[in-house]
Amino acid sequence: MTNDPNVPVFARAILGGKKTCKVEARVSDEVKEAVRRRALDLGFSSESEYLETLVTVDCFGKKHVQMVRDRQIAMVCALADTEPTAEGVAS
C-alpha cells in the first residue's frame, strides 16, 4: 500500500475482481469487429477483458495499471515459493 495521495485507493480491485457494473456503448458493426480482432490479436480472452483494460488505463493511467499487474504477479510468485498445493503434490 502506498501513502502517495495521487494514487487512487479502491475498496475493490480495479482490474479483475468481482464485476458488478456495466459500461455500454452503441457502435457500428465495423467497430465491433475491429474491437473483436484487436482483442484477439493482443491476446485478451474476450472483448470485455480488452475493453476493461483499455478503459482502466484511460481512467487511472498506465503506471497505476502496471503497478496493479506487477503486484498480482509478485503475489503469485510469492505463492510459488511456499508449500505446494494439494494439486501440486498429486502431480
PDB file of N, CA and C in Angstrom:
ATOM      1  N   MET A   1       0.848  -1.186   0.000  1.00  0.00           N
ATOM      2  CA  MET A   1       0.000   0.000   0.000  1.00  0.00           C
ATOM      3  C   MET A   1       0.884   1.237   0.000  1.00  0.00           C
ATOM      4  N   THR A   2       0.524   2.202  -0.774  1.00  0.00           N
ATOM      5  CA  THR A   2       1.311   3.429  -0.872  1.00  0.00           C
ATOM      6  C   THR A   2       0.643   4.561  -0.100  1.00  0.00           C
ATOM      7  N   ASN A   3       1.439   5.489   0.356  1.00  0.00           N
ATOM      8  CA  ASN A   3       0.908   6.670   1.033  1.00  0.00           C
ATOM      9  C   ASN A   3       0.813   7.855   0.085  1.00  0.00           C
ATOM     10  N   ASP A   4       1.088   7.653  -1.176  1.00  0.00           N
ATOM     11  CA  ASP A   4       1.034   8.705  -2.174  1.00  0.00           C
ATOM     12  C   ASP A   4      -0.414   9.154  -2.375  1.00  0.00           C
ATOM     13  N   PRO A   5      -0.733  10.436  -2.103  1.00  0.00           N
ATOM     14  CA  PRO A   5      -2.116  10.898  -2.246  1.00  0.00           C
ATOM     15  C   PRO A   5      -2.591  10.951  -3.698  1.00  0.00           C
ATOM     16  N   ASN A   6      -1.675  10.848  -4.663  1.00  0.00           N
ATOM     17  CA  ASN A   6      -2.061  10.877  -6.075  1.00  0.00           C
ATOM     18  C   ASN A   6      -2.481   9.516  -6.613  1.00  0.00           C
ATOM     19  N   VAL A   7      -2.266   8.461  -5.834  1.00  0.00           N
ATOM     20  CA  VAL A   7      -2.638   7.118  -6.261  1.00  0.00           C
ATOM     21  C   VAL A   7      -4.031   6.819  -5.729  1.00  0.00           C
ATOM     22  N   PRO A   8      -4.981   6.520  -6.620  1.00  0.00           N
ATOM     23  CA  PRO A   8      -6.339   6.245  -6.151  1.00  0.00           C
ATOM     24  C   PRO A   8      -6.386   4.972  -5.302  1.00  0.00           C
ATOM     25  N   VAL A   9      -7.241   4.980  -4.291  1.00  0.00           N
ATOM     26  CA  VAL A   9      -7.415   3.823  -3.415  1.00  0.00           C
ATOM     27  C   VAL A   9      -8.829   3.298  -3.642  1.00  0.00           C
ATOM     28  N   PHE A  10      -8.952   1.999  -3.778  1.00  0.00           N
ATOM     29  CA  PHE A  10     -10.239   1.392  -4.092  1.00  0.00           C
ATOM     30  C   PHE A  10     -10.578   0.307  -3.082  1.00  0.00           C
ATOM     31  N   ALA A  11     -11.861   0.137  -2.827  1.00  0.00           N
ATOM     32  CA  ALA A  11     -12.305  -0.937  -1.944  1.00  0.00           C
ATOM     33  C   ALA A  11     -12.169  -2.282  -2.656  1.00  0.00           C
ATOM     34  N   ARG A  12     -12.316  -2.274  -3.974  1.00  0.00           N
ATOM     35  CA  ARG A  12     -12.179  -3.493  -4.778  1.00  0.00           C
ATOM     36  C   ARG A  12     -11.074  -3.287  -5.802  1.00  0.00           C
ATOM     37  N   ALA A  13     -10.578  -4.395  -6.311  1.00  0.00           N
ATOM     38  CA  ALA A  13      -9.528  -4.326  -7.329  1.00  0.00           C
ATOM     39  C   ALA A  13     -10.055  -3.617  -8.567  1.00  0.00           C
ATOM     40  N   ILE A  14      -9.231  -2.743  -9.156  1.00  0.00           N
ATOM     41  CA  ILE A  14      -9.675  -2.053 -10.370  1.00  0.00           C
ATOM     42  C   ILE A  14      -9.574  -2.943 -11.596  1.00  0.00           C
ATOM     43  N   LEU A  15      -8.761  -3.973 -11.531  1.00  0.00           N
ATOM     44  CA  LEU A  15      -8.678  -4.963 -12.606  1.00  0.00           C
ATOM     45  C   LEU A  15      -8.972  -6.318 -12.001  1.00  0.00           C
ATOM     46  N   GLY A  16      -9.698  -7.118 -12.717  1.00  0.00           N
ATOM     47  CA  GLY A  16     -10.071  -8.408 -12.152  1.00  0.00           C
ATOM     48  C   GLY A  16     -11.134  -8.194 -11.094  1.00  0.00           C
ATOM     49  N   GLY A  17     -11.248  -9.107 -10.179  1.00  0.00           N
ATOM     50  CA  GLY A  17     -12.224  -8.945  -9.106  1.00  0.00           C
ATOM     51  C   GLY A  17     -13.655  -9.077  -9.583  1.00  0.00           C
ATOM     52  N   LYS A  18     -14.575  -8.861  -8.660  1.00  0.00           N
ATOM     53  CA  LYS A  18     -15.997  -9.005  -8.939  1.00  0.00           C
ATOM     54  C   LYS A  18     -16.484  -7.884  -9.857  1.00  0.00           C
ATOM     55  N   LYS A  19     -17.224  -8.258 -10.869  1.00  0.00           N
ATOM     56  CA  LYS A  19     -17.765  -7.285 -11.825  1.00  0.00           C
ATOM     57  C   LYS A  19     -19.240  -7.061 -11.512  1.00  0.00           C
ATOM     58  N   THR A  20     -19.576  -5.869 -11.033  1.00  0.00           N
ATOM     59  CA  THR A  20     -20.963  -5.591 -10.669  1.00  0.00           C
ATOM     60  C   THR A  20     -21.594  -4.501 -11.530  1.00  0.00           C
ATOM     61  N   CYS A  21     -20.789  -3.750 -12.266  1.00  0.00           N
ATOM     62  CA  CYS A  21     -21.319  -2.647 -13.067  1.00  0.00           C
ATOM     63  C   CYS A  21     -21.046  -2.891 -14.547  1.00  0.00           C
ATOM     64  N   LYS A  22     -21.827  -2.212 -15.356  1.00  0.00           N
ATOM     65  CA  LYS A  22     -21.734  -2.389 -16.797  1.00  0.00           C
ATOM     66  C   LYS A  22     -21.507  -1.034 -17.459  1.00  0.00           C
ATOM     67  N   VAL A  23     -20.646  -1.011 -18.476  1.00  0.00           N
ATOM     68  CA  VAL A  23     -20.429   0.175 -19.303  1.00  0.00           C
ATOM     69  C   VAL A  23     -20.851  -0.218 -20.705  1.00  0.00           C
ATOM     70  N   GLU A  24     -21.694   0.598 -21.327  1.00  0.00           N
ATOM     71  CA  GLU A  24     -22.205   0.248 -22.647  1.00  0.00           C
ATOM     72  C   GLU A  24     -21.975   1.370 -23.652  1.00  0.00           C
ATOM     73  N   ALA A  25     -21.868   0.978 -24.905  1.00  0.00           N
ATOM     74  CA  ALA A  25     -21.788   1.947 -25.999  1.00  0.00           C
ATOM     75  C   ALA A  25     -22.375   1.291 -27.248  1.00  0.00           C
ATOM     76  N   ARG A  26     -23.044   2.046 -28.034  1.00  0.00           N
ATOM     77  CA  ARG A  26     -23.547   1.573 -29.322  1.00  0.00           C
ATOM     78  C   ARG A  26     -22.489   1.890 -30.369  1.00  0.00           C
ATOM     79  N   VAL A  27     -22.096   0.878 -31.128  1.00  0.00           N
ATOM     80  CA  VAL A  27     -21.082   1.058 -32.166  1.00  0.00           C
ATOM     81  C   VAL A  27     -21.546   0.379 -33.446  1.00  0.00           C
ATOM     82  N   SER A  28     -20.897   0.715 -34.543  1.00  0.00           N
ATOM     83  CA  SER A  28     -21.224   0.086 -35.829  1.00  0.00           C
ATOM     84  C   SER A  28     -20.696  -1.343 -35.859  1.00  0.00           C
ATOM     85  N   ASP A  29     -21.177  -2.113 -36.811  1.00  0.00           N
ATOM     86  CA  ASP A  29     -20.687  -3.479 -36.989  1.00  0.00           C
ATOM     87  C   ASP A  29     -19.183  -3.489 -37.246  1.00  0.00           C
ATOM     88  N   GLU A  30     -18.698  -2.501 -37.991  1.00  0.00           N
ATOM     89  CA  GLU A  30     -17.273  -2.422 -38.311  1.00  0.00           C
ATOM     90  C   GLU A  30     -16.431  -2.211 -37.051  1.00  0.00           C
ATOM     91  N   VAL A  31     -16.892  -1.323 -36.173  1.00  0.00           N
ATOM     92  CA  VAL A  31     -16.159  -1.070 -34.929  1.00  0.00           C
ATOM     93  C   VAL A  31     -16.194  -2.309 -34.045  1.00  0.00           C
ATOM     94  N   LYS A  32     -17.334  -2.949 -33.943  1.00  0.00           N
ATOM     95  CA  LYS A  32     -17.466  -4.168 -33.132  1.00  0.00           C
ATOM     96  C   LYS A  32     -16.491  -5.236 -33.614  1.00  0.00           C
ATOM     97  N   GLU A  33     -16.411  -5.431 -34.903  1.00  0.00           N
ATOM     98  CA  GLU A  33     -15.497  -6.427 -35.472  1.00  0.00           C
ATOM     99  C   GLU A  33     -14.047  -6.028 -35.244  1.00  0.00           C
ATOM    100  N   ALA A  34     -13.737  -4.741 -35.378  1.00  0.00           N
ATOM    101  CA  ALA A  34     -12.371  -4.262 -35.146  1.00  0.00           C
ATOM    102  C   ALA A  34     -11.964  -4.494 -33.681  1.00  0.00           C
ATOM    103  N   VAL A  35     -12.876  -4.255 -32.748  1.00  0.00           N
ATOM    104  CA  VAL A  35     -12.598  -4.498 -31.326  1.00  0.00           C
ATOM    105  C   VAL A  35     -12.368  -5.988 -31.091  1.00  0.00           C
ATOM    106  N   ARG A  36     -13.193  -6.822 -31.693  1.00  0.00           N
ATOM    107  CA  ARG A  36     -13.034  -8.278 -31.538  1.00  0.00           C
ATOM    108  C   ARG A  36     -11.669  -8.728 -32.036  1.00  0.00           C
ATOM    109  N   ARG A  37     -11.294  -8.255 -33.234  1.00  0.00           N
ATOM    110  CA  ARG A  37      -9.999  -8.632 -33.807  1.00  0.00           C
ATOM    111  C   ARG A  37      -8.840  -8.099 -32.979  1.00  0.00           C
ATOM    112  N   ARG A  38      -8.959  -6.854 -32.534  1.00  0.00           N
ATOM    113  CA  ARG A  38      -7.889  -6.228 -31.740  1.00  0.00           C
ATOM    114  C   ARG A  38      -7.681  -6.990 -30.432  1.00  0.00           C
ATOM    115  N   ALA A  39      -8.779  -7.346 -29.774  1.00  0.00           N
ATOM    116  CA  ALA A  39      -8.690  -8.087 -28.509  1.00  0.00           C
ATOM    117  C   ALA A  39      -7.977  -9.420 -28.726  1.00  0.00           C
ATOM    118  N   LEU A  40      -8.350 -10.142 -29.773  1.00  0.00           N
ATOM    119  CA  LEU A  40      -7.715 -11.431 -30.058  1.00  0.00           C
ATOM    120  C   LEU A  40      -6.244 -11.256 -30.428  1.00  0.00           C
ATOM    121  N   ASP A  41      -5.957 -10.258 -31.267  1.00  0.00           N
ATOM    122  CA  ASP A  41      -4.568 -10.005 -31.683  1.00  0.00           C
ATOM    123  C   ASP A  41      -3.664  -9.676 -30.502  1.00  0.00           C
ATOM    124  N   LEU A  42      -4.222  -9.005 -29.494  1.00  0.00           N
ATOM    125  CA  LEU A  42      -3.432  -8.611 -28.324  1.00  0.00           C
ATOM    126  C   LEU A  42      -3.409  -9.679 -27.236  1.00  0.00           C
ATOM    127  N   GLY A  43      -4.087 -10.798 -27.473  1.00  0.00           N
ATOM    128  CA  GLY A  43      -4.031 -11.904 -26.530  1.00  0.00           C
ATOM    129  C   GLY A  43      -5.048 -11.864 -25.409  1.00  0.00           C
ATOM    130  N   PHE A  44      -6.053 -11.004 -25.508  1.00  0.00           N
ATOM    131  CA  PHE A  44      -7.100 -10.973 -24.493  1.00  0.00           C
ATOM    132  C   PHE A  44      -8.058 -12.135 -24.722  1.00  0.00           C
ATOM    133  N   SER A  45      -8.649 -12.617 -23.637  1.00  0.00           N
ATOM    134  CA  SER A  45      -9.557 -13.762 -23.760  1.00  0.00           C
ATOM    135  C   SER A  45     -10.938 -13.350 -24.253  1.00  0.00           C
ATOM    136  N   SER A  46     -11.246 -12.056 -24.186  1.00  0.00           N
ATOM    137  CA  SER A  46     -12.555 -11.578 -24.640  1.00  0.00           C
ATOM    138  C   SER A  46     -12.497 -10.092 -24.959  1.00  0.00           C
ATOM    139  N   GLU A  47     -13.508  -9.634 -25.678  1.00  0.00           N
ATOM    140  CA  GLU A  47     -13.637  -8.200 -25.938  1.00  0.00           C
ATOM    141  C   GLU A  47     -13.800  -7.454 -24.619  1.00  0.00           C
ATOM    142  N   SER A  48     -14.550  -8.033 -23.712  1.00  0.00           N
ATOM    143  CA  SER A  48     -14.818  -7.408 -22.424  1.00  0.00           C
ATOM    144  C   SER A  48     -13.530  -7.170 -21.638  1.00  0.00           C
ATOM    145  N   GLU A  49     -12.652  -8.174 -21.607  1.00  0.00           N
ATOM    146  CA  GLU A  49     -11.377  -8.033 -20.894  1.00  0.00           C
ATOM    147  C   GLU A  49     -10.530  -6.926 -21.536  1.00  0.00           C
ATOM    148  N   TYR A  50     -10.493  -6.893 -22.854  1.00  0.00           N
ATOM    149  CA  TYR A  50      -9.754  -5.858 -23.580  1.00  0.00           C
ATOM    150  C   TYR A  50     -10.304  -4.467 -23.264  1.00  0.00           C
ATOM    151  N   LEU A  51     -11.629  -4.321 -23.360  1.00  0.00           N
ATOM    152  CA  LEU A  51     -12.242  -3.019 -23.108  1.00  0.00           C
ATOM    153  C   LEU A  51     -12.081  -2.584 -21.655  1.00  0.00           C
ATOM    154  N   GLU A  52     -12.161  -3.525 -20.721  1.00  0.00           N
ATOM    155  CA  GLU A  52     -11.932  -3.193 -19.310  1.00  0.00           C
ATOM    156  C   GLU A  52     -10.523  -2.623 -19.120  1.00  0.00           C
ATOM    157  N   THR A  53      -9.535  -3.272 -19.717  1.00  0.00           N
ATOM    158  CA  THR A  53      -8.157  -2.805 -19.606  1.00  0.00           C
ATOM    159  C   THR A  53      -7.990  -1.439 -20.266  1.00  0.00           C
ATOM    160  N   LEU A  54      -8.556  -1.281 -21.435  1.00  0.00           N
ATOM    161  CA  LEU A  54      -8.472  -0.014 -22.165  1.00  0.00           C
ATOM    162  C   LEU A  54      -9.063   1.134 -21.349  1.00  0.00           C
ATOM    163  N   VAL A  55     -10.243   0.938 -20.804  1.00  0.00           N
ATOM    164  CA  VAL A  55     -10.911   1.976 -20.013  1.00  0.00           C
ATOM    165  C   VAL A  55     -10.148   2.240 -18.719  1.00  0.00           C
ATOM    166  N   THR A  56      -9.661   1.196 -18.075  1.00  0.00           N
ATOM    167  CA  THR A  56      -8.929   1.360 -16.822  1.00  0.00           C
ATOM    168  C   THR A  56      -7.641   2.152 -17.033  1.00  0.00           C
ATOM    169  N   VAL A  57      -6.919   1.857 -18.097  1.00  0.00           N
ATOM    170  CA  VAL A  57      -5.696   2.614 -18.404  1.00  0.00           C
ATOM    171  C   VAL A  57      -6.054   4.073 -18.685  1.00  0.00           C
ATOM    172  N   ASP A  58      -7.116   4.304 -19.439  1.00  0.00           N
ATOM    173  CA  ASP A  58      -7.524   5.669 -19.752  1.00  0.00           C
ATOM    174  C   ASP A  58      -7.910   6.446 -18.488  1.00  0.00           C
ATOM    175  N   CYS A  59      -8.612   5.797 -17.573  1.00  0.00           N
ATOM    176  CA  CYS A  59      -9.095   6.482 -16.367  1.00  0.00           C
ATOM    177  C   CYS A  59      -8.032   6.644 -15.287  1.00  0.00           C
ATOM    178  N   PHE A  60      -7.180   5.640 -15.106  1.00  0.00           N
ATOM    179  CA  PHE A  60      -6.262   5.639 -13.964  1.00  0.00           C
ATOM    180  C   PHE A  60      -4.785   5.717 -14.351  1.00  0.00           C
ATOM    181  N   GLY A  61      -4.502   5.591 -15.620  1.00  0.00           N
ATOM    182  CA  GLY A  61      -3.127   5.724 -16.087  1.00  0.00           C
ATOM    183  C   GLY A  61      -2.402   4.399 -16.216  1.00  0.00           C
ATOM    184  N   LYS A  62      -1.495   4.388 -17.161  1.00  0.00           N
ATOM    185  CA  LYS A  62      -0.710   3.194 -17.476  1.00  0.00           C
ATOM    186  C   LYS A  62       0.141   2.759 -16.291  1.00  0.00           C
ATOM    187  N   LYS A  63       0.757   3.715 -15.594  1.00  0.00           N
ATOM    188  CA  LYS A  63       1.625   3.363 -14.471  1.00  0.00           C
ATOM    189  C   LYS A  63       0.849   2.661 -13.358  1.00  0.00           C
ATOM    190  N   HIS A  64      -0.350   3.157 -13.062  1.00  0.00           N
ATOM    191  CA  HIS A  64      -1.137   2.546 -11.989  1.00  0.00           C
ATOM    192  C   HIS A  64      -1.572   1.125 -12.368  1.00  0.00           C
ATOM    193  N   VAL A  65      -2.028   0.949 -13.598  1.00  0.00           N
ATOM    194  CA  VAL A  65      -2.449  -0.380 -14.053  1.00  0.00           C
ATOM    195  C   VAL A  65      -1.264  -1.334 -14.047  1.00  0.00           C
ATOM    196  N   GLN A  66      -0.098  -0.859 -14.480  1.00  0.00           N
ATOM    197  CA  GLN A  66       1.108  -1.697 -14.466  1.00  0.00           C
ATOM    198  C   GLN A  66       1.484  -2.072 -13.034  1.00  0.00           C
ATOM    199  N   MET A  67       1.353  -1.130 -12.086  1.00  0.00           N
ATOM    200  CA  MET A  67       1.644  -1.408 -10.685  1.00  0.00           C
ATOM    201  C   MET A  67       0.713  -2.509 -10.151  1.00  0.00           C
ATOM    202  N   VAL A  68      -0.567  -2.427 -10.508  1.00  0.00           N
ATOM    203  CA  VAL A  68      -1.531  -3.444 -10.071  1.00  0.00           C
ATOM    204  C   VAL A  68      -1.140  -4.806 -10.623  1.00  0.00           C
ATOM    205  N   ARG A  69      -0.819  -4.865 -11.917  1.00  0.00           N
ATOM    206  CA  ARG A  69      -0.422  -6.134 -12.535  1.00  0.00           C
ATOM    207  C   ARG A  69       0.871  -6.671 -11.917  1.00  0.00           C
ATOM    208  N   ASP A  70       1.832  -5.784 -11.663  1.00  0.00           N
ATOM    209  CA  ASP A  70       3.092  -6.203 -11.047  1.00  0.00           C
ATOM    210  C   ASP A  70       2.859  -6.779  -9.658  1.00  0.00           C
ATOM    211  N   ARG A  71       1.965  -6.161  -8.895  1.00  0.00           N
ATOM    212  CA  ARG A  71       1.635  -6.695  -7.560  1.00  0.00           C
ATOM    213  C   ARG A  71       0.999  -8.075  -7.660  1.00  0.00           C
ATOM    214  N   GLN A  72       0.095  -8.246  -8.615  1.00  0.00           N
ATOM    215  CA  GLN A  72      -0.550  -9.548  -8.797  1.00  0.00           C
ATOM    216  C   GLN A  72       0.494 -10.616  -9.112  1.00  0.00           C
ATOM    217  N   ILE A  73       1.410 -10.305  -9.998  1.00  0.00           N
ATOM    218  CA  ILE A  73       2.453 -11.259 -10.363  1.00  0.00           C
ATOM    219  C   ILE A  73       3.358 -11.543  -9.170  1.00  0.00           C
ATOM    220  N   ALA A  74       3.707 -10.510  -8.412  1.00  0.00           N
ATOM    221  CA  ALA A  74       4.553 -10.696  -7.229  1.00  0.00           C
ATOM    222  C   ALA A  74       3.872 -11.603  -6.206  1.00  0.00           C
ATOM    223  N   MET A  75       2.553 -11.439  -6.033  1.00  0.00           N
ATOM    224  CA  MET A  75       1.831 -12.296  -5.087  1.00  0.00           C
ATOM    225  C   MET A  75       1.815 -13.745  -5.554  1.00  0.00           C
ATOM    226  N   VAL A  76       1.628 -13.946  -6.851  1.00  0.00           N
ATOM    227  CA  VAL A  76       1.634 -15.309  -7.391  1.00  0.00           C
ATOM    228  C   VAL A  76       3.025 -15.921  -7.245  1.00  0.00           C
ATOM    229  N   CYS A  77       4.061 -15.130  -7.506  1.00  0.00           N
ATOM    230  CA  CYS A  77       5.430 -15.633  -7.363  1.00  0.00           C
ATOM    231  C   CYS A  77       5.724 -15.976  -5.905  1.00  0.00           C
ATOM    232  N   ALA A  78       5.210 -15.181  -4.972  1.00  0.00           N
ATOM    233  CA  ALA A  78       5.397 -15.472  -3.552  1.00  0.00           C
ATOM    234  C   ALA A  78       4.708 -16.781  -3.181  1.00  0.00           C
ATOM    235  N   LEU A  79       3.549 -17.034  -3.764  1.00  0.00           N
ATOM    236  CA  LEU A  79       2.847 -18.291  -3.511  1.00  0.00           C
ATOM    237  C   LEU A  79       3.650 -19.474  -4.040  1.00  0.00           C
ATOM    238  N   ALA A  80       4.282 -19.279  -5.171  1.00  0.00           N
ATOM    239  CA  ALA A  80       5.072 -20.356  -5.775  1.00  0.00           C
ATOM    240  C   ALA A  80       6.261 -20.731  -4.897  1.00  0.00           C
ATOM    241  N   ASP A  81       6.719 -19.814  -4.047  1.00  0.00           N
ATOM    242  CA  ASP A  81       7.847 -20.075  -3.156  1.00  0.00           C
ATOM    243  C   ASP A  81       7.429 -20.778  -1.866  1.00  0.00           C
ATOM    244  N   THR A  82       6.114 -20.938  -1.648  1.00  0.00           N
ATOM    245  CA  THR A  82       5.629 -21.586  -0.431  1.00  0.00           C
ATOM    246  C   THR A  82       5.368 -23.066  -0.695  1.00  0.00           C
ATOM    247  N   GLU A  83       4.740 -23.712   0.257  1.00  0.00           N
ATOM    248  CA  GLU A  83       4.420 -25.131   0.111  1.00  0.00           C
ATOM    249  C   GLU A  83       3.519 -25.366  -1.095  1.00  0.00           C
ATOM    250  N   PRO A  84       3.663 -26.500  -1.770  1.00  0.00           N
ATOM    251  CA  PRO A  84       2.789 -26.788  -2.906  1.00  0.00           C
ATOM    252  C   PRO A  84       1.364 -27.031  -2.448  1.00  0.00           C
ATOM    253  N   THR A  85       0.424 -26.748  -3.339  1.00  0.00           N
ATOM    254  CA  THR A  85      -0.982 -27.005  -3.048  1.00  0.00           C
ATOM    255  C   THR A  85      -1.239 -28.496  -3.143  1.00  0.00           C
ATOM    256  N   ALA A  86      -2.424 -28.926  -2.758  1.00  0.00           N
ATOM    257  CA  ALA A  86      -2.782 -30.342  -2.857  1.00  0.00           C
ATOM    258  C   ALA A  86      -2.645 -30.843  -4.285  1.00  0.00           C
ATOM    259  N   GLU A  87      -3.045 -29.998  -5.245  1.00  0.00           N
ATOM    260  CA  GLU A  87      -2.933 -30.387  -6.657  1.00  0.00           C
ATOM    261  C   GLU A  87      -1.469 -30.521  -7.049  1.00  0.00           C
ATOM    262  N   GLY A  88      -0.616 -29.631  -6.531  1.00  0.00           N
ATOM    263  CA  GLY A  88       0.808 -29.687  -6.849  1.00  0.00           C
ATOM    264  C   GLY A  88       1.478 -30.917  -6.300  1.00  0.00           C
ATOM    265  N   VAL A  89       1.031 -31.389  -5.149  1.00  0.00           N
ATOM    266  CA  VAL A  89       1.602 -32.579  -4.525  1.00  0.00           C
ATOM    267  C   VAL A  89       1.210 -33.819  -5.324  1.00  0.00           C
ATOM    268  N   ALA A  90      -0.025 -33.829  -5.833  1.00  0.00           N
ATOM    269  CA  ALA A  90      -0.528 -35.005  -6.544  1.00  0.00           C
ATOM    270  C   ALA A  90       0.149 -35.211  -7.882  1.00  0.00           C
ATOM    271  N   SER A  91       0.671 -34.123  -8.505  1.00  0.00           N
ATOM    272  CA  SER A  91       1.261 -34.303  -9.832  1.00  0.00           C
ATOM    273  C   SER A  91       2.666 -34.845  -9.774  1.00  0.00           C
TER     274      SER A  91
END
